Each structure stands twice: as structure tokens, then as C-alpha cells.
């Protein structure tokens, strides 16, 4: 019961269709959640990640 209330509150906060499906699903039912896309290794992606990390490290240093 506690978990169902959490899922209902989660849906109300996010208006996410998957959260609604979990809130309304009967106990023991299965929900199909699509696989997330993975950003693989690529020079452009690595460059952007490196820039973000360097920027964050500069903010941390005094």
C-alpha cells in the first residue's frame, strides 16, 4: 500500500505516463519500460564530457 501511494504521488508530481501506469497497475502486473538510449564513445561526446568535467573542476577550486 505504501509503495502504491508513492507511485501515485510520483505521477502527480511528474505527470509521467509510466508513473501513471505503475500507479494504476494491479499488484503483480508487468509494465514494459522502453530501454534508454546509450550514448557510446565518440570523439565529440568525449570532448563535451571533458569540457564539462574541466568546467566543474575549475568551479570547485578556489
N, C-alpha and C. Protein backbone atom coordinates (compact mmCIF):
# COMPACT_ATOMS: atom_id res chain seq x y z
N UNK A 1 0.82 -1.19 0.00
CA UNK A 1 0.00 0.00 0.00
C UNK A 1 0.87 1.26 0.00
N UNK A 2 1.93 1.23 0.80
CA UNK A 2 2.81 2.38 0.89
C UNK A 2 3.47 2.68 -0.45
N UNK A 3 3.90 1.62 -1.15
CA UNK A 3 4.56 1.77 -2.44
C UNK A 3 3.59 2.33 -3.48
N UNK A 4 2.33 1.89 -3.45
CA UNK A 4 1.33 2.37 -4.39
C UNK A 4 1.09 3.87 -4.19
N UNK A 5 1.02 4.32 -2.94
CA UNK A 5 0.83 5.74 -2.65
C UNK A 5 2.01 6.56 -3.19
N UNK A 6 3.23 6.01 -3.02
CA UNK A 6 4.43 6.69 -3.53
C UNK A 6 4.32 6.86 -5.04
N UNK A 7 3.91 5.81 -5.73
CA UNK A 7 3.81 5.88 -7.19
C UNK A 7 2.74 6.85 -7.63
N UNK A 8 1.62 6.92 -6.90
CA UNK A 8 0.58 7.88 -7.24
C UNK A 8 1.07 9.31 -7.04
N UNK A 9 1.78 9.54 -5.94
CA UNK A 9 2.33 10.87 -5.69
C UNK A 9 3.39 11.23 -6.73
N UNK A 10 4.19 10.25 -7.14
CA UNK A 10 5.21 10.47 -8.16
C UNK A 10 4.56 10.90 -9.47
N UNK A 11 3.46 10.26 -9.83
CA UNK A 11 2.77 10.63 -11.06
C UNK A 11 2.23 12.05 -10.97
N UNK A 12 1.63 12.39 -9.84
CA UNK A 12 1.05 13.72 -9.70
C UNK A 12 2.14 14.79 -9.79
N UNK A 13 3.34 14.48 -9.32
CA UNK A 13 4.43 15.46 -9.34
C UNK A 13 5.03 15.58 -10.74
N UNK A 14 5.15 14.47 -11.47
CA UNK A 14 5.87 14.49 -12.74
C UNK A 14 4.98 14.45 -13.97
N UNK A 15 3.76 13.98 -13.82
CA UNK A 15 2.85 13.79 -14.96
C UNK A 15 3.46 12.87 -16.01
N UNK A 16 4.21 11.88 -15.53
CA UNK A 16 4.87 10.92 -16.40
C UNK A 16 3.91 9.76 -16.65
N UNK A 17 3.75 9.36 -17.92
CA UNK A 17 2.83 8.29 -18.29
C UNK A 17 3.24 6.98 -17.62
N UNK A 18 4.54 6.71 -17.54
CA UNK A 18 4.99 5.46 -16.92
C UNK A 18 4.66 5.44 -15.44
N UNK A 19 4.77 6.59 -14.77
CA UNK A 19 4.42 6.65 -13.35
C UNK A 19 2.93 6.38 -13.17
N UNK A 20 2.10 6.89 -14.09
CA UNK A 20 0.67 6.65 -14.01
C UNK A 20 0.37 5.17 -14.21
N UNK A 21 1.04 4.55 -15.17
CA UNK A 21 0.83 3.13 -15.43
C UNK A 21 1.20 2.30 -14.20
N UNK A 22 2.30 2.66 -13.53
CA UNK A 22 2.70 1.92 -12.33
C UNK A 22 1.71 2.14 -11.20
N UNK A 23 1.16 3.35 -11.09
CA UNK A 23 0.24 3.66 -10.01
C UNK A 23 -1.08 2.92 -10.18
N UNK A 24 -1.53 2.75 -11.41
CA UNK A 24 -2.83 2.14 -11.66
C UNK A 24 -2.76 0.63 -11.90
N UNK A 25 -1.58 0.09 -12.03
CA UNK A 25 -1.41 -1.34 -12.32
C UNK A 25 -1.73 -2.17 -11.08
N UNK A 26 -2.33 -3.31 -11.30
CA UNK A 26 -2.61 -4.24 -10.21
C UNK A 26 -1.31 -4.82 -9.69
N UNK A 27 -1.31 -5.23 -8.44
CA UNK A 27 -0.13 -5.82 -7.82
C UNK A 27 0.23 -7.09 -8.57
N UNK A 28 1.50 -7.23 -8.91
CA UNK A 28 1.97 -8.41 -9.63
C UNK A 28 1.92 -8.27 -11.14
N UNK A 29 1.32 -7.18 -11.63
CA UNK A 29 1.26 -6.95 -13.08
C UNK A 29 2.61 -6.51 -13.61
N UNK A 30 2.79 -6.65 -14.91
CA UNK A 30 4.06 -6.26 -15.52
C UNK A 30 3.88 -5.01 -16.36
N UNK A 31 4.86 -4.14 -16.30
CA UNK A 31 4.87 -2.91 -17.08
C UNK A 31 6.08 -2.96 -17.99
N UNK A 32 5.88 -2.67 -19.26
CA UNK A 32 7.00 -2.64 -20.19
C UNK A 32 7.56 -1.22 -20.23
N UNK A 33 8.82 -1.09 -19.82
CA UNK A 33 9.50 0.20 -19.84
C UNK A 33 10.55 0.14 -20.95
N UNK A 34 10.47 1.05 -21.92
CA UNK A 34 11.42 1.01 -23.03
C UNK A 34 12.86 1.24 -22.57
N UNK A 35 13.79 0.62 -23.30
CA UNK A 35 15.20 0.74 -22.97
C UNK A 35 15.68 2.17 -23.26
N UNK A 36 16.50 2.70 -22.37
CA UNK A 36 17.06 4.03 -22.58
C UNK A 36 18.15 3.98 -23.64
N UNK A 37 18.27 5.06 -24.36
CA UNK A 37 19.33 5.16 -25.36
C UNK A 37 20.66 5.39 -24.65
N UNK A 38 21.68 4.73 -25.15
CA UNK A 38 23.01 4.87 -24.57
C UNK A 38 23.87 5.70 -25.51
N UNK A 39 24.54 6.69 -24.95
CA UNK A 39 25.46 7.49 -25.75
C UNK A 39 26.82 6.81 -25.64
N UNK A 40 27.27 6.24 -26.73
CA UNK A 40 28.52 5.49 -26.72
C UNK A 40 29.73 6.40 -26.82
N UNK A 41 30.87 5.78 -26.97
CA UNK A 41 32.13 6.52 -27.10
C UNK A 41 32.24 7.11 -28.50
N UNK A 42 32.49 8.40 -28.54
CA UNK A 42 32.67 9.12 -29.80
C UNK A 42 33.53 10.34 -29.48
N UNK A 43 34.40 10.73 -30.37
CA UNK A 43 35.28 11.87 -30.08
C UNK A 43 34.52 13.14 -29.68
N UNK A 44 33.39 13.43 -30.33
CA UNK A 44 32.62 14.63 -29.99
C UNK A 44 32.04 14.52 -28.58
N UNK A 45 31.49 13.36 -28.26
CA UNK A 45 30.90 13.16 -26.93
C UNK A 45 31.99 13.26 -25.87
N UNK A 46 33.11 12.60 -26.11
CA UNK A 46 34.23 12.64 -25.15
C UNK A 46 34.71 14.08 -24.94
N UNK A 47 34.76 14.87 -26.01
CA UNK A 47 35.20 16.26 -25.92
C UNK A 47 34.24 17.07 -25.05
N UNK A 48 32.93 16.91 -25.25
CA UNK A 48 31.95 17.65 -24.46
C UNK A 48 32.00 17.23 -22.98
N UNK A 49 32.15 15.94 -22.75
CA UNK A 49 32.23 15.45 -21.37
C UNK A 49 33.48 16.02 -20.69
N UNK A 50 34.61 16.00 -21.40
CA UNK A 50 35.85 16.55 -20.85
C UNK A 50 35.69 18.03 -20.51
N UNK A 51 35.03 18.79 -21.41
CA UNK A 51 34.80 20.22 -21.16
C UNK A 51 33.94 20.44 -19.92
N UNK A 52 32.91 19.65 -19.76
CA UNK A 52 32.02 19.79 -18.60
C UNK A 52 32.78 19.46 -17.32
N UNK A 53 33.56 18.39 -17.34
CA UNK A 53 34.33 18.00 -16.16
C UNK A 53 35.34 19.08 -15.80
N UNK A 54 36.06 19.59 -16.79
CA UNK A 54 37.04 20.66 -16.54
C UNK A 54 36.37 21.91 -15.98
N UNK A 55 35.22 22.26 -16.52
CA UNK A 55 34.49 23.43 -16.04
C UNK A 55 34.08 23.24 -14.58
N UNK A 56 33.57 22.06 -14.25
CA UNK A 56 33.15 21.79 -12.87
C UNK A 56 34.34 21.77 -11.92
N UNK A 57 35.47 21.24 -12.37
CA UNK A 57 36.67 21.22 -11.51
C UNK A 57 37.17 22.64 -11.26
N UNK A 58 37.09 23.52 -12.25
CA UNK A 58 37.51 24.90 -12.06
C UNK A 58 36.63 25.62 -11.05
N UNK A 59 35.33 25.30 -11.05
CA UNK A 59 34.41 25.93 -10.10
C UNK A 59 34.70 25.46 -8.66
N UNK A 60 35.14 24.22 -8.51
CA UNK A 60 35.42 23.69 -7.19
C UNK A 60 36.68 24.31 -6.59
N UNK A 61 37.68 24.52 -7.44
CA UNK A 61 38.94 25.12 -6.95
C UNK A 61 38.71 26.56 -6.56
N UNK A 62 39.46 27.01 -5.56
CA UNK A 62 39.31 28.40 -5.10
C UNK A 62 40.06 29.32 -5.97
